């Protein structure tokens, strides 16, 4: 995993809601299969908007 991907995963795990939301969107835009595991792990996020962004990101990655 490169540094940019690792940074996004860390933001998804530990950032405030807005950062987690942006990280989920960015991970989806990468289309990188390595993001699937961290995104699935984050589906239990407390923020419904983050969860929706994660679902959208997973759909984008699967479509690639």
C-alpha atoms as a PDB file:
ATOM      1  CA  UNK A   1       0.000   0.000   0.000  1.00  0.00           C
ATOM      2  CA  UNK A   2       1.497   3.345  -0.990  1.00  0.00           C
ATOM      3  CA  UNK A   3       1.692   6.340   1.326  1.00  0.00           C
ATOM      4  CA  UNK A   4      -1.337   8.133  -0.137  1.00  0.00           C
ATOM      5  CA  UNK A   5      -3.538   5.057   0.225  1.00  0.00           C
ATOM      6  CA  UNK A   6      -2.267   4.448   3.760  1.00  0.00           C
ATOM      7  CA  UNK A   7      -3.013   8.071   4.673  1.00  0.00           C
ATOM      8  CA  UNK A   8      -6.575   7.757   3.360  1.00  0.00           C
ATOM      9  CA  UNK A   9      -7.105   4.551   5.333  1.00  0.00           C
ATOM     10  CA  UNK A  10      -5.831   6.253   8.497  1.00  0.00           C
ATOM     11  CA  UNK A  11      -8.171   9.188   7.867  1.00  0.00           C
ATOM     12  CA  UNK A  12     -11.055   6.770   7.351  1.00  0.00           C
ATOM     13  CA  UNK A  13     -10.320   5.074  10.668  1.00  0.00           C
ATOM     14  CA  UNK A  14      -9.353   7.960  12.905  1.00  0.00           C
ATOM     15  CA  UNK A  15     -10.398  11.283  11.388  1.00  0.00           C
ATOM     16  CA  UNK A  16     -13.369  13.418  12.372  1.00  0.00           C
ATOM     17  CA  UNK A  17     -16.590  12.791  10.413  1.00  0.00           C
ATOM     18  CA  UNK A  18     -15.834  15.220   7.569  1.00  0.00           C
ATOM     19  CA  UNK A  19     -12.373  13.727   7.070  1.00  0.00           C
ATOM     20  CA  UNK A  20     -13.749  10.160   7.148  1.00  0.00           C
ATOM     21  CA  UNK A  21     -16.358  11.170   4.576  1.00  0.00           C
ATOM     22  CA  UNK A  22     -13.718  12.662   2.261  1.00  0.00           C
ATOM     23  CA  UNK A  23     -11.456   9.640   2.746  1.00  0.00           C
ATOM     24  CA  UNK A  24     -14.243   7.214   1.816  1.00  0.00           C
ATOM     25  CA  UNK A  25     -14.990   9.195  -1.333  1.00  0.00           C
ATOM     26  CA  UNK A  26     -11.323   9.405  -2.265  1.00  0.00           C
ATOM     27  CA  UNK A  27     -10.799   5.674  -1.749  1.00  0.00           C
ATOM     28  CA  UNK A  28     -13.731   4.989  -4.058  1.00  0.00           C
ATOM     29  CA  UNK A  29     -12.271   7.266  -6.709  1.00  0.00           C
ATOM     30  CA  UNK A  30      -9.008   5.321  -6.693  1.00  0.00           C
ATOM     31  CA  UNK A  31     -10.775   2.182  -7.877  1.00  0.00           C
ATOM     32  CA  UNK A  32      -8.093   0.267  -5.996  1.00  0.00           C
ATOM     33  CA  UNK A  33      -9.131  -3.179  -4.757  1.00  0.00           C
ATOM     34  CA  UNK A  34      -6.832  -2.766  -1.739  1.00  0.00           C
ATOM     35  CA  UNK A  35      -9.312  -0.224  -0.360  1.00  0.00           C
ATOM     36  CA  UNK A  36     -12.126  -2.785  -0.112  1.00  0.00           C
ATOM     37  CA  UNK A  37     -11.037  -4.304   3.220  1.00  0.00           C
ATOM     38  CA  UNK A  38     -10.641  -0.994   5.064  1.00  0.00           C
ATOM     39  CA  UNK A  39     -13.917   0.278   3.587  1.00  0.00           C
ATOM     40  CA  UNK A  40     -15.799  -2.829   4.701  1.00  0.00           C
ATOM     41  CA  UNK A  41     -14.268  -2.520   8.167  1.00  0.00           C
ATOM     42  CA  UNK A  42     -15.499   1.080   8.330  1.00  0.00           C
ATOM     43  CA  UNK A  43     -19.122   0.202   7.500  1.00  0.00           C
ATOM     44  CA  UNK A  44     -19.844   0.267  11.230  1.00  0.00           C
ATOM     45  CA  UNK A  45     -19.085   3.998  11.394  1.00  0.00           C
ATOM     46  CA  UNK A  46     -21.413   5.979  13.679  1.00  0.00           C
ATOM     47  CA  UNK A  47     -22.078   8.626  11.022  1.00  0.00           C
ATOM     48  CA  UNK A  48     -24.710   7.584   8.478  1.00  0.00           C
ATOM     49  CA  UNK A  49     -23.261   9.937   5.860  1.00  0.00           C
ATOM     50  CA  UNK A  50     -19.877   8.238   6.159  1.00  0.00           C
ATOM     51  CA  UNK A  51     -21.537   4.817   5.837  1.00  0.00           C
ATOM     52  CA  UNK A  52     -23.340   5.963   2.678  1.00  0.00           C
ATOM     53  CA  UNK A  53     -20.076   7.288   1.217  1.00  0.00           C
ATOM     54  CA  UNK A  54     -18.443   3.943   2.000  1.00  0.00           C
ATOM     55  CA  UNK A  55     -21.234   2.055   0.221  1.00  0.00           C
ATOM     56  CA  UNK A  56     -20.852   4.331  -2.812  1.00  0.00           C
ATOM     57  CA  UNK A  57     -17.075   3.845  -2.766  1.00  0.00           C
ATOM     58  CA  UNK A  58     -17.459   0.062  -2.691  1.00  0.00           C
ATOM     59  CA  UNK A  59     -19.864   0.206  -5.654  1.00  0.00           C
ATOM     60  CA  UNK A  60     -17.360   2.287  -7.631  1.00  0.00           C
ATOM     61  CA  UNK A  61     -14.524  -0.111  -6.897  1.00  0.00           C
ATOM     62  CA  UNK A  62     -16.582  -3.160  -7.827  1.00  0.00           C
ATOM     63  CA  UNK A  63     -17.595  -1.477 -11.105  1.00  0.00           C
ATOM     64  CA  UNK A  64     -13.951  -1.044 -12.114  1.00  0.00           C
END
